[in-house]
Protein backbone atom coordinates (compact mmCIF):
# COMPACT_ATOMS: atom_id res chain seq x y z
CA MET A 1 149.32 68.71 42.07
CA PHE A 2 149.70 72.41 42.18
CA ALA A 3 150.94 73.59 45.68
CA PRO A 4 149.85 77.04 46.84
CA ASP A 5 152.66 79.42 47.61
CA ARG A 6 153.20 80.99 51.10
CA CYS A 7 150.92 83.98 50.47
CA GLU A 8 148.11 81.79 49.27
CA ARG A 9 148.41 79.53 52.31
CA ARG A 10 148.12 82.58 54.63
CA ALA A 11 145.01 83.69 52.80
CA LEU A 12 143.46 80.24 53.15
CA LEU A 13 144.23 80.00 56.92
CA ALA A 14 143.06 83.52 57.89
CA PRO A 15 139.31 82.72 58.19
CA ARG A 16 140.08 79.66 60.33
CA ARG A 17 142.26 81.71 62.69
CA LEU A 18 139.58 84.42 62.97
CA ALA A 19 136.92 81.83 63.86
CA ALA A 20 139.18 80.26 66.48
CA SER A 21 139.99 83.64 68.03
CA LEU A 22 136.28 84.47 68.35
CA ALA A 23 135.23 81.10 69.75
CA LEU A 24 136.64 81.54 73.28
CA PRO A 25 135.22 85.06 73.97
CA LEU A 26 131.83 84.09 72.58
CA ALA A 27 131.74 80.98 74.77
CA ALA A 28 132.64 83.07 77.81
CA LEU A 29 129.89 85.58 77.04
CA ALA A 30 127.37 82.78 76.64
CA ALA A 31 128.37 81.26 79.98
CA ALA A 32 128.12 84.62 81.74
CA ALA A 33 124.70 85.26 80.25
CA SER A 34 123.44 81.94 81.64
CA LEU A 35 124.35 82.90 85.24
CA PRO A 36 121.70 84.46 87.50
CA ALA A 37 122.04 88.21 87.95
CA HIS A 38 123.18 87.99 91.59
CA ALA A 39 126.01 85.59 90.65
CA ALA A 40 127.66 88.12 88.35
CA GLY A 41 129.65 89.60 91.26
CA ALA A 42 130.49 88.74 94.82
CA TYR A 43 127.83 89.89 97.33
CA PRO A 44 127.94 92.57 98.51
CA ASP A 45 129.79 94.80 96.08
CA HIS A 46 128.16 98.11 97.08
CA PRO A 47 126.46 99.61 100.18
CA ILE A 48 123.35 98.04 101.73
CA THR A 49 120.36 100.09 102.88
CA LEU A 50 118.75 99.16 106.20
CA VAL A 51 115.20 100.55 106.18
CA VAL A 52 113.94 101.40 109.67
CA PRO A 53 110.21 102.24 109.52
CA PHE A 54 110.35 104.26 112.74
CA ALA A 55 111.48 107.73 113.73
CA PRO A 56 114.99 107.95 115.23
CA GLY A 57 115.15 107.37 118.97
CA GLY A 58 114.46 104.49 121.35
CA TYR A 59 115.76 100.95 121.39
CA THR A 60 115.02 100.36 117.69
CA ASP A 61 117.56 103.05 116.86
CA VAL A 62 120.14 101.42 119.13
CA VAL A 63 119.79 98.09 117.34
CA ALA A 64 119.82 99.73 113.90
CA ARG A 65 123.03 101.66 114.62
CA LEU A 66 124.76 98.56 116.00
CA LEU A 67 123.81 96.63 112.86
CA ALA A 68 125.01 99.44 110.60
CA ASP A 69 128.35 99.61 112.38
CA LYS A 70 129.18 95.97 112.97
CA MET A 71 127.46 94.36 109.97
CA GLY A 72 129.21 96.83 107.72
CA ALA A 73 132.56 95.68 109.06
CA GLY A 74 131.64 92.02 108.57
CA LEU A 75 130.27 92.47 105.06
CA GLY A 76 133.01 94.78 103.89
CA GLN A 77 130.43 97.32 102.70
CA ALA A 78 128.67 100.24 104.36
CA VAL A 79 125.23 99.58 105.86
CA VAL A 80 123.23 102.82 105.67
CA VAL A 81 120.27 103.36 108.04
CA ASP A 82 117.24 104.85 106.26
CA ASN A 83 114.53 105.97 108.72
CA ARG A 84 111.10 106.04 107.01
CA PRO A 85 108.52 106.54 109.80
CA GLY A 86 104.79 107.01 109.55
CA ALA A 87 101.44 105.21 109.73
CA GLY A 88 102.53 102.84 112.50
CA SER A 89 105.62 101.81 110.49
CA SER A 90 103.51 100.99 107.40
CA ILE A 91 105.10 103.63 105.16
CA GLY A 92 108.64 102.32 105.50
CA THR A 93 107.54 98.70 105.48
CA LYS A 94 105.52 99.18 102.29
CA TYR A 95 108.56 100.82 100.69
CA LEU A 96 110.62 97.77 101.64
CA ALA A 97 108.04 95.40 100.16
CA HIS A 98 108.50 97.02 96.74
CA ALA A 99 112.31 97.24 96.86
CA LYS A 100 114.54 95.09 94.63
CA ASN A 101 115.10 91.61 96.02
CA ASP A 102 118.85 91.66 95.42
CA GLY A 103 119.94 91.86 99.06
CA TYR A 104 120.85 95.54 98.95
CA THR A 105 117.67 96.73 100.70
CA VAL A 106 116.64 95.06 103.97
CA GLY A 107 114.48 96.17 106.88
CA LEU A 108 114.44 96.18 110.67
CA VAL A 109 110.85 95.41 111.68
CA SER A 110 108.80 94.88 114.82
CA LEU A 111 105.44 93.49 115.85
CA SER A 112 103.91 96.23 113.69
CA LEU A 113 104.77 94.10 110.65
CA VAL A 114 102.05 91.57 111.45
CA ILE A 115 99.44 93.86 113.00
CA ALA A 116 99.27 96.56 110.32
CA PRO A 117 97.22 94.42 107.89
CA TYR A 118 94.52 94.03 110.55
CA LEU A 119 94.34 97.77 111.24
CA TYR A 120 94.58 99.32 107.78
CA HIS A 121 92.11 98.79 104.95
CA PRO A 122 93.15 98.00 102.34
CA ALA A 123 96.16 96.25 103.87
CA PRO A 124 99.38 98.05 102.89
CA PHE A 125 101.27 94.78 102.45
CA ASP A 126 101.08 91.05 103.17
CA PRO A 127 103.63 90.15 105.88
CA MET A 128 103.65 86.50 104.83
CA LYS A 129 103.96 86.97 101.07
CA ASP A 130 105.83 90.23 100.56
CA PHE A 131 108.86 89.51 102.73
CA ALA A 132 111.56 86.91 103.25
CA PRO A 133 112.38 86.44 106.96
CA VAL A 134 116.09 86.82 107.71
CA ALA A 135 116.35 86.58 111.51
CA LYS A 136 114.76 87.54 114.78
CA LEU A 137 117.35 89.64 116.59
CA ALA A 138 116.12 91.05 119.89
CA GLU A 139 113.33 91.34 122.44
CA ALA A 140 112.30 94.38 124.42
CA PRO A 141 109.60 94.42 127.11
CA SER A 142 107.60 97.56 127.81
CA VAL A 143 106.85 99.35 131.04
CA LEU A 144 103.55 100.97 131.98
CA VAL A 145 104.43 104.49 133.09
CA VAL A 146 102.23 107.29 134.39
CA ASN A 147 102.61 110.96 135.15
CA PRO A 148 103.58 111.36 138.84
CA GLN A 149 100.40 113.40 139.45
CA PHE A 150 98.22 110.54 138.21
CA PRO A 151 96.33 109.34 141.34
CA PRO A 152 96.67 105.52 140.98
CA LYS A 153 99.84 104.19 142.60
CA ASN A 154 99.59 100.67 141.19
CA VAL A 155 97.89 98.65 138.44
CA ALA A 156 94.94 97.62 140.62
CA GLU A 157 94.13 101.25 141.42
CA MET A 158 94.45 102.20 137.74
CA ILE A 159 92.04 99.43 136.73
CA ALA A 160 89.56 100.53 139.39
CA LEU A 161 89.69 104.14 138.17
CA ALA A 162 89.35 103.08 134.52
CA LYS A 163 86.26 101.03 135.36
CA ALA A 164 84.73 103.85 137.36
CA GLN A 165 85.46 106.43 134.64
CA PRO A 166 85.51 104.70 131.21
CA ASN A 167 87.52 106.39 128.40
CA THR A 168 88.86 109.12 130.69
CA ILE A 169 92.37 107.67 131.01
CA GLY A 170 94.45 108.39 127.92
CA TYR A 171 97.42 106.29 126.87
CA ALA A 172 99.99 107.74 124.48
CA SER A 173 101.58 105.72 121.70
CA SER A 174 104.15 106.32 118.98
CA GLY A 175 101.41 106.25 116.36
CA ASN A 176 98.43 104.50 114.88
CA GLY A 177 99.18 100.85 114.27
CA SER A 178 102.20 100.87 116.57
CA THR A 179 103.13 98.17 119.04
CA GLN A 180 102.39 100.65 121.83
CA GLN A 181 98.82 101.05 120.64
CA LEU A 182 98.29 97.30 120.60
CA VAL A 183 99.84 96.76 124.04
CA GLY A 184 97.45 99.37 125.43
CA ALA A 185 94.51 97.77 123.63
CA TYR A 186 95.54 94.36 124.98
CA PHE A 187 95.76 95.74 128.52
CA ALA A 188 92.26 97.24 128.25
CA TRP A 189 90.89 94.00 126.82
CA ALA A 190 92.53 91.83 129.50
CA THR A 191 91.31 94.07 132.35
CA GLY A 192 87.82 94.80 131.02
CA THR A 193 88.44 98.53 130.92
CA LYS A 194 88.09 101.27 128.32
CA LEU A 195 91.07 103.53 127.73
CA SER A 196 91.48 106.38 125.26
CA HIS A 197 94.26 105.97 122.68
CA VAL A 198 96.30 109.13 121.95
CA PRO A 199 98.61 108.58 118.93
CA TYR A 200 101.76 110.62 118.26
CA LYS A 201 104.31 110.73 115.47
CA GLY A 202 107.06 108.88 117.28
CA SER A 203 107.73 107.68 120.80
CA ASN A 204 109.80 110.69 121.89
CA GLN A 205 106.93 113.19 121.70
CA SER A 206 104.50 110.78 123.30
CA ILE A 207 106.66 110.30 126.37
CA VAL A 208 107.32 114.05 126.61
CA ASP A 209 103.57 114.61 126.90
CA VAL A 210 103.21 111.97 129.61
CA VAL A 211 105.97 113.72 131.56
CA GLY A 212 104.15 117.02 131.00
CA GLY A 213 100.79 115.64 132.12
CA VAL A 214 99.09 116.10 128.75
CA VAL A 215 98.38 112.35 128.70
CA GLN A 216 98.23 110.21 131.82
CA THR A 217 99.90 106.95 130.76
CA SER A 218 101.87 105.05 128.15
CA PHE A 219 103.44 101.67 127.50
CA VAL A 220 107.02 102.44 126.45
CA GLY A 221 110.33 100.68 125.96
CA ILE A 222 112.27 100.42 129.20
CA SER A 223 115.23 102.26 127.69
CA ASN A 224 113.03 105.25 126.84
CA ALA A 225 111.63 105.48 130.36
CA LEU A 226 114.50 104.37 132.58
CA GLN A 227 116.12 107.73 133.39
CA LEU A 228 112.76 109.46 133.66
CA VAL A 229 111.59 106.85 136.18
CA ARG A 230 114.81 107.04 138.18
CA SER A 231 114.60 110.84 138.31
CA GLY A 232 110.96 110.75 139.46
CA ARG A 233 109.58 112.44 136.35
CA LEU A 234 107.59 109.28 135.57
CA ARG A 235 106.22 106.56 137.84
CA ALA A 236 106.45 102.93 136.69
CA LEU A 237 103.51 100.70 137.56
CA ALA A 238 104.42 97.41 135.85
CA VAL A 239 106.56 95.76 133.19
CA THR A 240 105.07 93.59 130.45
CA SER A 241 107.66 90.80 130.53
CA ALA A 242 107.30 87.41 132.21
CA GLN A 243 110.00 88.30 134.74
CA ARG A 244 110.87 91.58 136.43
CA ALA A 245 113.29 93.72 134.45
CA PRO A 246 116.85 93.83 135.86
CA GLU A 247 116.89 97.58 135.24
CA LEU A 248 113.72 98.08 137.34
CA PRO A 249 113.78 95.25 139.90
CA GLU A 250 111.33 97.03 142.21
CA VAL A 251 108.63 97.24 139.52
CA PRO A 252 106.24 94.22 139.37
CA THR A 253 105.11 92.50 136.21
CA LEU A 254 101.56 92.84 134.91
CA VAL A 255 100.96 89.21 135.86
CA GLU A 256 102.15 89.88 139.42
CA SER A 257 99.78 92.86 139.42
CA GLY A 258 96.81 90.59 138.73
CA VAL A 259 96.50 90.82 134.92
CA LYS A 260 96.48 87.14 133.97
CA GLY A 261 98.29 86.12 130.79
CA ALA A 262 99.57 89.64 130.15
CA VAL A 263 103.08 88.78 128.95
CA ILE A 264 103.76 91.07 126.01
CA THR A 265 107.29 91.29 124.74
CA GLY A 266 108.11 93.35 121.69
CA TRP A 267 110.69 92.04 119.26
CA LEU A 268 112.87 93.24 116.42
CA GLY A 269 113.85 91.25 113.37
CA MET A 270 115.31 91.61 109.91
CA VAL A 271 113.39 90.91 106.71
CA ALA A 272 114.14 91.33 103.02
CA PRO A 273 111.82 91.67 100.01
CA ALA A 274 110.28 88.37 98.93
CA GLY A 275 112.39 86.50 96.40
CA THR A 276 115.75 87.53 97.84
CA PRO A 277 118.15 84.63 97.04
CA PRO A 278 118.53 82.11 99.91
CA GLU A 279 122.32 82.40 99.94
CA ILE A 280 122.03 86.15 100.50
CA ILE A 281 119.46 85.61 103.27
CA ALA A 282 121.88 83.20 104.94
CA ARG A 283 124.73 85.71 104.71
CA LEU A 284 122.61 88.51 106.16
CA ARG A 285 121.40 86.28 109.00
CA SER A 286 124.93 85.20 109.86
CA GLU A 287 126.34 88.72 109.81
CA SER A 288 123.47 90.27 111.77
CA ALA A 289 123.78 87.60 114.47
CA LYS A 290 127.55 88.12 114.71
CA ALA A 291 127.09 91.89 114.85
CA LEU A 292 124.75 91.81 117.85
CA SER A 293 126.61 88.99 119.62
CA ALA A 294 129.83 90.99 119.86
CA PRO A 295 130.69 91.85 123.51
CA SER A 296 130.50 95.60 122.89
CA ALA A 297 127.09 95.20 121.21
CA LYS A 298 125.71 93.15 124.11
CA GLY A 299 126.64 95.92 126.51
CA ALA A 300 124.88 98.53 124.39
CA LEU A 301 121.78 96.33 124.13
CA THR A 302 121.63 95.83 127.89
CA THR A 303 121.94 99.57 128.48
CA ALA A 304 119.05 100.12 126.05
CA GLY A 305 116.85 97.56 127.82
CA VAL A 306 117.02 95.11 124.93
CA ASP A 307 117.70 91.37 125.17
CA LEU A 308 119.56 89.53 122.42
CA SER A 309 117.16 86.89 121.08
CA LEU A 310 118.25 85.11 117.90
CA LEU A 311 116.12 82.95 115.62
CA ASN A 312 117.11 81.81 112.13
CA GLU A 313 114.98 82.44 109.06
CA THR A 314 112.86 79.30 109.48
CA GLU A 315 112.21 79.88 113.18
CA PHE A 316 111.48 83.56 112.58
CA ASP A 317 108.96 82.63 109.89
CA LYS A 318 107.12 80.44 112.42
CA LEU A 319 107.12 83.29 114.95
CA LEU A 320 105.66 85.72 112.41
CA LYS A 321 102.80 83.33 111.66
CA ALA A 322 102.10 82.73 115.36
CA GLU A 323 102.19 86.47 116.16
CA SER A 324 99.89 87.23 113.25
CA GLU A 325 97.36 84.73 114.52
CA ARG A 326 97.62 85.93 118.14
CA TRP A 327 97.27 89.64 117.42
CA GLY A 328 94.67 89.18 114.72
CA LYS A 329 92.46 87.62 117.40
CA VAL A 330 93.20 90.42 119.88
CA ILE A 331 92.42 93.12 117.30
CA ARG A 332 89.15 91.48 116.31
CA GLU A 333 88.04 91.02 119.92
CA THR A 334 89.11 94.45 121.15
CA GLY A 335 87.86 96.33 118.13
CA ALA A 336 91.20 98.15 117.95
CA ARG A 337 91.37 100.45 114.97
CA VAL A 338 93.36 103.24 113.41
CA ASP A 339 92.02 106.51 114.75
C-alpha cells in the first residue's frame, strides 16, 4: 500500500490537532457559562453600598459608621454609607427595594420599614416581599423630653393637661412616617389624649425646636437628648424601655409613670433586596454581627444609647412580621396618618 510521506502525514494530522486544541477552552467556557452570575468571582470583589434612609445624625448614624468601618475590614472591601432621607425613610427604602440583588447594595432600616405601608397610599414597597432580612443589629429606646418652660413636670401632669386642652400640645418628629411619629401616636392612644404631630426633615432640627420652645415635646433617641438633658436645656419625663436607662437612671419608664403596656423600643437591622443569594446573606449577617460585637464598637454603641441586639435572618424575619402586625393595629386604631 502506498505510504504517505512526512509532509502528507502533517497535513492529515493538522485538523485533528486543531480540534483537540479547541476542545479544552470551549469546555471551560461552557462550564463558566453554566455557573450563576454571583459565582463568577469571590464575593465581594468591589465596594458595597450601605443605604441609610435617614439624614445624618443620631444613633442610626453611629451604627452605620461602625458597620462601614468594621465590616469593610472584615469583608476586605470598602462599605460606603449612602444617606437617602425623606418621607419617613420611604425614599431610601424604596430605592433599596429596586437595587440589584447581588449583595452590593444593602440597607440599614428601622421600625419605619414595617409602618410605612400603613401610612402611605399607595404603599411605596412591601416589607415582606421586597426585602431579604439579613440581621437585627441593635435596639434603642426613646425618651420623652419637653422644653424646660413646659408646665408639666411629669407624665401624669402632661396627660392631665393634654386631656384638658386637646391638640394643644405639639410633639416633634423626624418626619412623616417616622418611628418618632408612631411612638407619639401610640402614647396618645394609650393615654386617651390628643396631641398635635409636628413633622420635621430629620431629628436634629426637631430637637432644636423643642429646645427653642417652638414645639413642647418629642420622643427622641437617648443619645440625641442626653447632653441636652444633663445641661438642663431639655427635661426628661420618661423613657420608653421596659427598664430605666443606665444613662438616665433618675428618669422613670412610661410604665412606672402609669402608662400600661407602653414599652416601645426602636430597633435597627440590615436588609437586602429580595432574591439576594442565601450565601451572601449569611456572609453579611456574620460580618455585621462581628463588626458590632467588637469591644471598641460596643463602647461606641453604649455612648450612643444603643444596645447590641442580634438576631439572625430567620429570627429577624419573624420580628418583622410581628412588628408589622402590632403597628398595623396601632395605626388603624389611632387613625395615624401622614400629614
